Amino acid sequence: MSELSPDSVRLTTVRLVLREIEQSDSDSLYSYWSDPEVTRYMPRRVVSRKGVGDLVKKALEGRYAKPRRYFRLAVTLKELGALVGDCVCRVTDQESKEDLAKIIGQAYIGYFLNRKSWGKGYATEVGRALLSFGFEQLKLLRIWAWCDTENSASVRVLEKLDMRQEAHFRKSVMVQGNWRDCFVYGILRDEWDPSAKVHQSCLGNEPRYHRSQKQRPPLIPCQKYQSKVLSLRRDCDWFSETGDLISYSGP
């Protein structure tokens, strides 16, 4: 490790605390990353102990980077402190010729929850916290996410976050030995509504949000990124074992 002091991020929602991942979180992370239902739409099926160790190592190392671009956080319950998932916000390097993810946007977000935490609205809370962090603290212009076209739960979460479906890439992601279609979602800073509030009556179910009804121009389908994304996936190892470039929110 460097002699530099590590960065520290702590985000809170109505029911959750998103904090830095620690070495002691390894067993909790492995408990759901090794669940085939949780990793159903991930590139390499269940994640090994080594894969989880690599995730923790990368999360810890990311805290020392200047500027910091990789934010991997544990998702914990505010009242109990129990770890129920993790999430990521990765800022692309606009100066790097190798960081081809920048053609889609400044940063991507992803969130991953253990199966016991599905259906409680946690993914939506995490997503809102990451968008708020990206736009309000990192001062980003654009944030994107993606999910498998058959992952209807992820689609619902991303739409609840007011992100727009901007692309449908055909056979663009290798998932467990098969080429899969994916949706790409995006949102701009001037489309983000930081005043959206969770209905208290919905906590424990899927939260609903009040949003300002901003009028947006119609989305014109565009295929110009399709070949670039396919080339990106074939020319380099786009995903780590834990799918760092995935935006998958469990059902």
Foldseek 3Di string as FASTA:
>chain_A
DDPADFAWDWFDFPWKIWTQDDPVCLVVALVALQPQQQCVFPAAGRADSVLSVVVNVVSRVLRRDVVRFKHKTFIATPPPRDTFWIKIKGAFDPPDPLRLVPVVFGIEMAITGHPVPPFQQVLLRVVLRVVCCCCPVVVGFKYKAKGFPPQVVLVVSCVQQVWDFQAWAQQLGRHNNGRTIMTMTMDGSVQGDNVWDWDPVSGRGRTHTDDDDDDDDDHDHDCVCRVVSSCSVVVDVCQRSRGPRHHDYRD
